[in-house]
Amino acid sequence: MSRAVKNIFATTLGIIAVGSIIGVVAGFLQQSGNPTNMGICVACFGRDIAGAIGIHRAAVVQYLRPEILGFVLGSFAAALAFKEFKPIGGSAPVTRFVLGMIAMIGALVFLGCPWRVILRLAGGDGNALFGLAGLAAGVWIGTLFFKNGFNLGRGQVQSWSAGLMIPLLMLGLLALRLLFPPLPGEAQSGVLWYSVSGPGAAYAPLGFALAAGLGIGFLAQRSRFCTMGAIRDVILFRQMYLMYGFIALLVAAFITNLVLGQFNPGFEGQPVAHTMGLWNFMGMVVAGLAFALAGGCPGRQLFMSGEGNTDAGIFALGLLAGAALAHNFGLASSPAGIGPNGMAAVIIGLAVLLFIGVVNCKKS
């Protein structure tokens, strides 16, 4: 690949283009069948995958989302094409797994990842303002740790086989999706579980969803698109590169929703959302801090997994475990409000994150 082609998405115009493409594609995924205001959501889709493979049994959120598989495989293809597949890892793996679990629990208290915060706003959901404020607050707390030398340790070069594990896992899941497709009105097909109602039963056609995931994974790997990083870089370095992509996603999704008639402003009755402002805020404080300490939003963690980063892969597996805990232990929210044990989970999760932050600061 020529250097010009190699660097085209790592420019200001490039990151704006990537954010815009994600926003437009998310709008059309919604129009094609994905849940409303959830064209793409790494947390919600990870939760659905956890349900599809049976590690939780919340019947309304079970579907093996092709978009997530495509994120990793698209990034993997880009990394191979541009000679950036470099297996690395071994930096505090257990801590990163715990960070992934807590990040997912916080996101499911809010009901969405940072990408869905943006997409909910673009769809008119005012409750997402609390989530956005919480996300920024969580990342800001993370920057306080960074200023005090927070570091989980340097990753070491890993074998190619180690770097291939997460992409191969995604290929395996894709094979299961092809072997056991959803059957009308059936809650199970082969070894996979499927929702017959609720958000898990709303999905875009397989080909479109997978192509969208592959394309976004490829572009995001090239541009280093990251929603957490966008906020972190503005706070720490006054750098706007990633923030341009963040804003472009919001604007593009908003315009797409207007064009497609999917914009519905308000706070009440928003799809897959609740109106408990404090817990929308606190859930994303926890998620934002966890993403900051781990070094990337959930989308970025998947893209890095495709590049062979096993630390990011362990974080992604932690996300799946967190989804299972959230639904098996009554931590996840629903449109009716926060789960019966969600408040305790947020408080405990925040305490664990602060502990991880303090004990990994060199100045401490």
Foldseek 3Di string as FASTA:
>chain_A
DDPCVLQVLQDLVNLLVLLLLLLLLLLVFVVQWAPFLPSDFLLLLLLQCLCFLPLAPPQQRHDNFLLLLLLLQLLLVLCVVVVLQFAKEDQQLVLLLLLLLQLSLLCLQQVGFLLSLLSCVLQAAPLSVLLVLLLLLLLVVLVVLVVLAFDSDGIGGDDVVLLCVVNVVSVVSVVVCVVFPDDQPDQDTVSTGAHNDHSRVTGGDPVSRNVNSSVSSNSCSSRVAFPLVQSNCCVPPVDRSNVSSVVSSNVSNNVSCVVVVSHDHDHPPDPFGANPSVSSSLSSSLNSNSQSSLPGTLSSLSSVSSSNYVSSVSSSVSSSVSSSCCNVVQQGAGRVHGGPCVVVSSVVSVVVSVVSSVVRRPND
